[in-house]
Each structure stands twice: as C-alpha cells, then as structure tokens.
Amino acid sequence: MQSMYFLIPISLVLFVLGIFAIYYAIKSRQFDDLDNESQRVILDDRQFRREQLGQNPAKPSSSQPPKIQDPTDEQK
C-alpha cells in the first residue's frame, strides 16, 4: 500500500508532462502539414544538387583517353 502513495503521484506527473508535450507540439504547428514537410527534406537536397550542376557544367573531355601509368611498364 505504501508503494501506491509513491506510484500514483509519479504517474500523474508523467501524464501531465505528456499532455503538456502534446499541447506544445500542436501550438508550435508540428502537425500542420505532415506529408509535404517529410518530402521537403528530400526534394531540397535534389534541388540544391541540380543548382550546383547547372552552375558548374562539366568540362568537355578531349578525344584522347587519359594516359594511365602502369608500374609494370616502367620495369620493362
């Protein structure tokens, strides 16, 4: 019975903290637009990469392939 005097107030405090956390999340507009906000994270990154590619176009490559030095060629 003595443990009930301890557990009931603790559970009430946790309940009030949970209600406060939900109230705070609703007031700070956490639940307004669930679908678009989750996709915005992915799409912003793609847009950023596309802008970088557009600003720094790739240099045209020459018609000759790059020379690769093989260490075994030097020994011959």
PDB file of N, CA and C in Angstrom:
ATOM      1  N   MET A   1       0.819  -1.189   0.000  1.00  0.00           N
ATOM      2  CA  MET A   1       0.000   0.000   0.000  1.00  0.00           C
ATOM      3  C   MET A   1       0.869   1.261   0.000  1.00  0.00           C
ATOM      4  N   GLN A   2       2.020   1.179   0.635  1.00  0.00           N
ATOM      5  CA  GLN A   2       2.884   2.356   0.674  1.00  0.00           C
ATOM      6  C   GLN A   2       3.447   2.685  -0.701  1.00  0.00           C
ATOM      7  N   SER A   3       3.638   1.664  -1.532  1.00  0.00           N
ATOM      8  CA  SER A   3       4.151   1.924  -2.875  1.00  0.00           C
ATOM      9  C   SER A   3       3.120   2.675  -3.718  1.00  0.00           C
ATOM     10  N   MET A   4       1.838   2.498  -3.436  1.00  0.00           N
ATOM     11  CA  MET A   4       0.799   3.214  -4.166  1.00  0.00           C
ATOM     12  C   MET A   4       0.884   4.718  -3.905  1.00  0.00           C
ATOM     13  N   TYR A   5       1.273   5.115  -2.707  1.00  0.00           N
ATOM     14  CA  TYR A   5       1.425   6.535  -2.391  1.00  0.00           C
ATOM     15  C   TYR A   5       2.557   7.162  -3.202  1.00  0.00           C
ATOM     16  N   PHE A   6       3.464   6.356  -3.647  1.00  0.00           N
ATOM     17  CA  PHE A   6       4.578   6.835  -4.464  1.00  0.00           C
ATOM     18  C   PHE A   6       4.257   6.746  -5.960  1.00  0.00           C
ATOM     19  N   LEU A   7       3.637   5.651  -6.391  1.00  0.00           N
ATOM     20  CA  LEU A   7       3.418   5.413  -7.813  1.00  0.00           C
ATOM     21  C   LEU A   7       2.304   6.286  -8.403  1.00  0.00           C
ATOM     22  N   ILE A   8       1.257   6.546  -7.663  1.00  0.00           N
ATOM     23  CA  ILE A   8       0.151   7.341  -8.203  1.00  0.00           C
ATOM     24  C   ILE A   8       0.595   8.781  -8.492  1.00  0.00           C
ATOM     25  N   PRO A   9       1.264   9.478  -7.593  1.00  0.00           N
ATOM     26  CA  PRO A   9       1.723  10.838  -7.944  1.00  0.00           C
ATOM     27  C   PRO A   9       2.722  10.853  -9.104  1.00  0.00           C
ATOM     28  N   ILE A  10       3.593   9.860  -9.153  1.00  0.00           N
ATOM     29  CA  ILE A  10       4.556   9.789 -10.264  1.00  0.00           C
ATOM     30  C   ILE A  10       3.821   9.603 -11.591  1.00  0.00           C
ATOM     31  N   SER A  11       2.821   8.735 -11.626  1.00  0.00           N
ATOM     32  CA  SER A  11       2.073   8.523 -12.863  1.00  0.00           C
ATOM     33  C   SER A  11       1.277   9.767 -13.242  1.00  0.00           C
ATOM     34  N   LEU A  12       0.744  10.492 -12.276  1.00  0.00           N
ATOM     35  CA  LEU A  12       0.031  11.734 -12.587  1.00  0.00           C
ATOM     36  C   LEU A  12       0.974  12.800 -13.145  1.00  0.00           C
ATOM     37  N   VAL A  13       2.163  12.883 -12.610  1.00  0.00           N
ATOM     38  CA  VAL A  13       3.149  13.844 -13.119  1.00  0.00           C
ATOM     39  C   VAL A  13       3.536  13.486 -14.553  1.00  0.00           C
ATOM     40  N   LEU A  14       3.759  12.216 -14.833  1.00  0.00           N
ATOM     41  CA  LEU A  14       4.094  11.793 -16.199  1.00  0.00           C
ATOM     42  C   LEU A  14       2.944  12.054 -17.159  1.00  0.00           C
ATOM     43  N   PHE A  15       1.722  11.866 -16.702  1.00  0.00           N
ATOM     44  CA  PHE A  15       0.542  12.135 -17.516  1.00  0.00           C
ATOM     45  C   PHE A  15       0.457  13.617 -17.861  1.00  0.00           C
ATOM     46  N   VAL A  16       0.665  14.469 -16.890  1.00  0.00           N
ATOM     47  CA  VAL A  16       0.616  15.922 -17.125  1.00  0.00           C
ATOM     48  C   VAL A  16       1.747  16.344 -18.053  1.00  0.00           C
ATOM     49  N   LEU A  17       2.928  15.780 -17.904  1.00  0.00           N
ATOM     50  CA  LEU A  17       4.041  16.101 -18.807  1.00  0.00           C
ATOM     51  C   LEU A  17       3.733  15.666 -20.241  1.00  0.00           C
ATOM     52  N   GLY A  18       3.093  14.527 -20.397  1.00  0.00           N
ATOM     53  CA  GLY A  18       2.713  14.071 -21.732  1.00  0.00           C
ATOM     54  C   GLY A  18       1.689  14.985 -22.377  1.00  0.00           C
ATOM     55  N   ILE A  19       0.708  15.408 -21.598  1.00  0.00           N
ATOM     56  CA  ILE A  19      -0.306  16.330 -22.116  1.00  0.00           C
ATOM     57  C   ILE A  19       0.352  17.663 -22.496  1.00  0.00           C
ATOM     58  N   PHE A  20       1.264  18.152 -21.669  1.00  0.00           N
ATOM     59  CA  PHE A  20       1.973  19.391 -21.974  1.00  0.00           C
ATOM     60  C   PHE A  20       2.808  19.241 -23.249  1.00  0.00           C
ATOM     61  N   ALA A  21       3.459  18.109 -23.437  1.00  0.00           N
ATOM     62  CA  ALA A  21       4.278  17.897 -24.636  1.00  0.00           C
ATOM     63  C   ALA A  21       3.411  17.892 -25.890  1.00  0.00           C
ATOM     64  N   ILE A  22       2.256  17.255 -25.833  1.00  0.00           N
ATOM     65  CA  ILE A  22       1.346  17.237 -26.984  1.00  0.00           C
ATOM     66  C   ILE A  22       0.820  18.640 -27.254  1.00  0.00           C
ATOM     67  N   TYR A  23       0.425  19.357 -26.206  1.00  0.00           N
ATOM     68  CA  TYR A  23      -0.065  20.725 -26.352  1.00  0.00           C
ATOM     69  C   TYR A  23       1.009  21.624 -26.977  1.00  0.00           C
ATOM     70  N   TYR A  24       2.240  21.500 -26.536  1.00  0.00           N
ATOM     71  CA  TYR A  24       3.337  22.294 -27.070  1.00  0.00           C
ATOM     72  C   TYR A  24       3.575  21.971 -28.555  1.00  0.00           C
ATOM     73  N   ALA A  25       3.512  20.699 -28.913  1.00  0.00           N
ATOM     74  CA  ALA A  25       3.726  20.297 -30.305  1.00  0.00           C
ATOM     75  C   ALA A  25       2.619  20.844 -31.206  1.00  0.00           C
ATOM     76  N   ILE A  26       1.391  20.858 -30.721  1.00  0.00           N
ATOM     77  CA  ILE A  26       0.284  21.383 -31.517  1.00  0.00           C
ATOM     78  C   ILE A  26       0.408  22.897 -31.644  1.00  0.00           C
ATOM     79  N   LYS A  27       0.755  23.581 -30.554  1.00  0.00           N
ATOM     80  CA  LYS A  27       0.888  25.041 -30.594  1.00  0.00           C
ATOM     81  C   LYS A  27       2.041  25.488 -31.488  1.00  0.00           C
ATOM     82  N   SER A  28       3.097  24.703 -31.575  1.00  0.00           N
ATOM     83  CA  SER A  28       4.233  25.076 -32.419  1.00  0.00           C
ATOM     84  C   SER A  28       4.079  24.550 -33.840  1.00  0.00           C
ATOM     85  N   ARG A  29       2.882  24.129 -34.195  1.00  0.00           N
ATOM     86  CA  ARG A  29       2.493  23.732 -35.559  1.00  0.00           C
ATOM     87  C   ARG A  29       3.291  22.534 -36.085  1.00  0.00           C
ATOM     88  N   GLN A  30       3.578  21.590 -35.230  1.00  0.00           N
ATOM     89  CA  GLN A  30       4.310  20.395 -35.630  1.00  0.00           C
ATOM     90  C   GLN A  30       3.464  19.476 -36.509  1.00  0.00           C
ATOM     91  N   PHE A  31       2.160  19.518 -36.362  1.00  0.00           N
ATOM     92  CA  PHE A  31       1.287  18.574 -37.044  1.00  0.00           C
ATOM     93  C   PHE A  31       0.470  19.219 -38.159  1.00  0.00           C
ATOM     94  N   ASP A  32       0.840  20.400 -38.628  1.00  0.00           N
ATOM     95  CA  ASP A  32       0.045  21.088 -39.643  1.00  0.00           C
ATOM     96  C   ASP A  32       0.086  20.395 -41.001  1.00  0.00           C
ATOM     97  N   ASP A  33       1.277  20.108 -41.501  1.00  0.00           N
ATOM     98  CA  ASP A  33       1.413  19.536 -42.843  1.00  0.00           C
ATOM     99  C   ASP A  33       2.408  18.383 -42.779  1.00  0.00           C
ATOM    100  N   LEU A  34       1.922  17.209 -42.491  1.00  0.00           N
ATOM    101  CA  LEU A  34       2.818  16.071 -42.279  1.00  0.00           C
ATOM    102  C   LEU A  34       3.414  15.536 -43.583  1.00  0.00           C
ATOM    103  N   ASP A  35       2.648  15.547 -44.679  1.00  0.00           N
ATOM    104  CA  ASP A  35       3.127  14.941 -45.919  1.00  0.00           C
ATOM    105  C   ASP A  35       4.185  15.792 -46.617  1.00  0.00           C
ATOM    106  N   ASN A  36       3.925  17.061 -46.781  1.00  0.00           N
ATOM    107  CA  ASN A  36       4.857  17.902 -47.531  1.00  0.00           C
ATOM    108  C   ASN A  36       6.157  18.148 -46.780  1.00  0.00           C
ATOM    109  N   GLU A  37       6.106  18.253 -45.488  1.00  0.00           N
ATOM    110  CA  GLU A  37       7.328  18.501 -44.722  1.00  0.00           C
ATOM    111  C   GLU A  37       8.283  17.313 -44.791  1.00  0.00           C
ATOM    112  N   SER A  38       7.752  16.119 -44.820  1.00  0.00           N
ATOM    113  CA  SER A  38       8.631  14.954 -44.902  1.00  0.00           C
ATOM    114  C   SER A  38       9.262  14.832 -46.286  1.00  0.00           C
ATOM    115  N   GLN A  39       8.570  15.286 -47.307  1.00  0.00           N
ATOM    116  CA  GLN A  39       9.126  15.226 -48.657  1.00  0.00           C
ATOM    117  C   GLN A  39      10.049  16.404 -48.942  1.00  0.00           C
ATOM    118  N   ARG A  40       9.872  17.503 -48.240  1.00  0.00           N
ATOM    119  CA  ARG A  40      10.684  18.692 -48.456  1.00  0.00           C
ATOM    120  C   ARG A  40      12.155  18.416 -48.173  1.00  0.00           C
ATOM    121  N   VAL A  41      12.418  17.559 -47.216  1.00  0.00           N
ATOM    122  CA  VAL A  41      13.798  17.240 -46.866  1.00  0.00           C
ATOM    123  C   VAL A  41      14.503  16.590 -48.054  1.00  0.00           C
ATOM    124  N   ILE A  42      13.829  15.703 -48.725  1.00  0.00           N
ATOM    125  CA  ILE A  42      14.421  15.002 -49.868  1.00  0.00           C
ATOM    126  C   ILE A  42      14.511  15.919 -51.076  1.00  0.00           C
ATOM    127  N   LEU A  43      13.448  16.656 -51.358  1.00  0.00           N
ATOM    128  CA  LEU A  43      13.415  17.481 -52.557  1.00  0.00           C
ATOM    129  C   LEU A  43      14.361  18.663 -52.467  1.00  0.00           C
ATOM    130  N   ASP A  44      14.572  19.239 -51.309  1.00  0.00           N
ATOM    131  CA  ASP A  44      15.508  20.343 -51.181  1.00  0.00           C
ATOM    132  C   ASP A  44      16.918  19.910 -51.557  1.00  0.00           C
ATOM    133  N   ASP A  45      17.305  18.723 -51.161  1.00  0.00           N
ATOM    134  CA  ASP A  45      18.631  18.227 -51.477  1.00  0.00           C
ATOM    135  C   ASP A  45      18.785  18.037 -52.985  1.00  0.00           C
ATOM    136  N   ARG A  46      17.770  17.507 -53.618  1.00  0.00           N
ATOM    137  CA  ARG A  46      17.852  17.309 -55.071  1.00  0.00           C
ATOM    138  C   ARG A  46      17.943  18.650 -55.793  1.00  0.00           C
ATOM    139  N   GLN A  47      17.144  19.619 -55.370  1.00  0.00           N
ATOM    140  CA  GLN A  47      17.178  20.933 -55.995  1.00  0.00           C
ATOM    141  C   GLN A  47      18.543  21.585 -55.808  1.00  0.00           C
ATOM    142  N   PHE A  48      19.129  21.440 -54.639  1.00  0.00           N
ATOM    143  CA  PHE A  48      20.441  22.010 -54.368  1.00  0.00           C
ATOM    144  C   PHE A  48      21.498  21.387 -55.286  1.00  0.00           C
ATOM    145  N   ARG A  49      21.445  20.073 -55.459  1.00  0.00           N
ATOM    146  CA  ARG A  49      22.422  19.410 -56.335  1.00  0.00           C
ATOM    147  C   ARG A  49      22.215  19.821 -57.777  1.00  0.00           C
ATOM    148  N   ARG A  50      20.968  19.981 -58.214  1.00  0.00           N
ATOM    149  CA  ARG A  50      20.723  20.408 -59.591  1.00  0.00           C
ATOM    150  C   ARG A  50      21.250  21.815 -59.824  1.00  0.00           C
ATOM    151  N   GLU A  51      21.082  22.695 -58.849  1.00  0.00           N
ATOM    152  CA  GLU A  51      21.601  24.048 -58.997  1.00  0.00           C
ATOM    153  C   GLU A  51      23.121  24.042 -59.070  1.00  0.00           C
ATOM    154  N   GLN A  52      23.763  23.203 -58.282  1.00  0.00           N
ATOM    155  CA  GLN A  52      25.223  23.132 -58.333  1.00  0.00           C
ATOM    156  C   GLN A  52      25.687  22.619 -59.685  1.00  0.00           C
ATOM    157  N   LEU A  53      24.998  21.630 -60.226  1.00  0.00           N
ATOM    158  CA  LEU A  53      25.397  21.104 -61.523  1.00  0.00           C
ATOM    159  C   LEU A  53      25.180  22.138 -62.624  1.00  0.00           C
ATOM    160  N   GLY A  54      24.141  22.929 -62.521  1.00  0.00           N
ATOM    161  CA  GLY A  54      23.869  23.955 -63.520  1.00  0.00           C
ATOM    162  C   GLY A  54      24.879  25.076 -63.463  1.00  0.00           C
ATOM    163  N   GLN A  55      25.381  25.406 -62.303  1.00  0.00           N
ATOM    164  CA  GLN A  55      26.348  26.483 -62.165  1.00  0.00           C
ATOM    165  C   GLN A  55      27.753  26.043 -62.552  1.00  0.00           C
ATOM    166  N   ASN A  56      28.068  24.808 -62.361  1.00  0.00           N
ATOM    167  CA  ASN A  56      29.393  24.280 -62.677  1.00  0.00           C
ATOM    168  C   ASN A  56      29.260  23.174 -63.725  1.00  0.00           C
ATOM    169  N   PRO A  57      29.075  23.544 -64.979  1.00  0.00           N
ATOM    170  CA  PRO A  57      28.922  22.494 -66.004  1.00  0.00           C
ATOM    171  C   PRO A  57      30.219  21.709 -66.172  1.00  0.00           C
ATOM    172  N   ALA A  58      30.086  20.495 -66.603  1.00  0.00           N
ATOM    173  CA  ALA A  58      31.253  19.636 -66.807  1.00  0.00           C
ATOM    174  C   ALA A  58      32.055  20.137 -67.999  1.00  0.00           C
ATOM    175  N   LYS A  59      33.355  20.050 -67.897  1.00  0.00           N
ATOM    176  CA  LYS A  59      34.230  20.477 -68.983  1.00  0.00           C
ATOM    177  C   LYS A  59      34.201  19.405 -70.072  1.00  0.00           C
ATOM    178  N   PRO A  60      34.210  19.831 -71.323  1.00  0.00           N
ATOM    179  CA  PRO A  60      34.215  18.824 -72.389  1.00  0.00           C
ATOM    180  C   PRO A  60      35.523  18.036 -72.363  1.00  0.00           C
ATOM    181  N   SER A  61      35.396  16.756 -72.521  1.00  0.00           N
ATOM    182  CA  SER A  61      36.583  15.906 -72.486  1.00  0.00           C
ATOM    183  C   SER A  61      37.261  15.893 -73.856  1.00  0.00           C
ATOM    184  N   SER A  62      38.542  15.641 -73.839  1.00  0.00           N
ATOM    185  CA  SER A  62      39.281  15.577 -75.097  1.00  0.00           C
ATOM    186  C   SER A  62      38.999  14.245 -75.787  1.00  0.00           C
ATOM    187  N   SER A  63      39.371  14.158 -77.032  1.00  0.00           N
ATOM    188  CA  SER A  63      39.099  12.936 -77.789  1.00  0.00           C
ATOM    189  C   SER A  63      40.057  11.806 -77.416  1.00  0.00           C
ATOM    190  N   GLN A  64      41.172  12.147 -76.773  1.00  0.00           N
ATOM    191  CA  GLN A  64      42.128  11.121 -76.380  1.00  0.00           C
ATOM    192  C   GLN A  64      41.796  10.609 -74.980  1.00  0.00           C
ATOM    193  N   PRO A  65      41.917   9.317 -74.786  1.00  0.00           N
ATOM    194  CA  PRO A  65      41.680   8.791 -73.439  1.00  0.00           C
ATOM    195  C   PRO A  65      42.815   9.208 -72.515  1.00  0.00           C
ATOM    196  N   PRO A  66      42.576   9.280 -71.246  1.00  0.00           N
ATOM    197  CA  PRO A  66      43.645   9.671 -70.317  1.00  0.00           C
ATOM    198  C   PRO A  66      44.753   8.628 -70.286  1.00  0.00           C
ATOM    199  N   LYS A  67      45.958   9.108 -70.090  1.00  0.00           N
ATOM    200  CA  LYS A  67      47.105   8.208 -70.021  1.00  0.00           C
ATOM    201  C   LYS A  67      47.172   7.598 -68.623  1.00  0.00           C
ATOM    202  N   ILE A  68      47.258   6.300 -68.592  1.00  0.00           N
ATOM    203  CA  ILE A  68      47.347   5.582 -67.324  1.00  0.00           C
ATOM    204  C   ILE A  68      48.741   5.005 -67.230  1.00  0.00           C
ATOM    205  N   GLN A  69      49.421   5.371 -66.185  1.00  0.00           N
ATOM    206  CA  GLN A  69      50.766   4.843 -65.999  1.00  0.00           C
ATOM    207  C   GLN A  69      50.669   3.556 -65.210  1.00  0.00           C
ATOM    208  N   ASP A  70      51.185   2.527 -65.813  1.00  0.00           N
ATOM    209  CA  ASP A  70      51.188   1.224 -65.166  1.00  0.00           C
ATOM    210  C   ASP A  70      52.582   1.000 -64.584  1.00  0.00           C
ATOM    211  N   PRO A  71      52.691   0.676 -63.308  1.00  0.00           N
ATOM    212  CA  PRO A  71      54.022   0.464 -62.720  1.00  0.00           C
ATOM    213  C   PRO A  71      54.809  -0.646 -63.402  1.00  0.00           C
ATOM    214  N   THR A  72      54.148  -1.589 -64.006  1.00  0.00           N
ATOM    215  CA  THR A  72      54.865  -2.683 -64.668  1.00  0.00           C
ATOM    216  C   THR A  72      55.501  -2.216 -65.971  1.00  0.00           C
ATOM    217  N   ASP A  73      54.998  -1.117 -66.572  1.00  0.00           N
ATOM    218  CA  ASP A  73      55.579  -0.606 -67.805  1.00  0.00           C
ATOM    219  C   ASP A  73      56.981  -0.040 -67.551  1.00  0.00           C
ATOM    220  N   GLU A  74      57.191   0.541 -66.385  1.00  0.00           N
ATOM    221  CA  GLU A  74      58.490   1.124 -66.084  1.00  0.00           C
ATOM    222  C   GLU A  74      59.560   0.053 -65.901  1.00  0.00           C
ATOM    223  N   GLN A  75      59.160  -1.137 -65.502  1.00  0.00           N
ATOM    224  CA  GLN A  75      60.126  -2.196 -65.260  1.00  0.00           C
ATOM    225  C   GLN A  75      60.574  -2.855 -66.553  1.00  0.00           C
ATOM    226  N   LYS A  76      59.847  -2.695 -67.611  1.00  0.00           N
ATOM    227  CA  LYS A  76      60.192  -3.373 -68.871  1.00  0.00           C
ATOM    228  C   LYS A  76      61.322  -2.735 -69.598  1.00  0.00           C
TER     229      LYS A  76
END
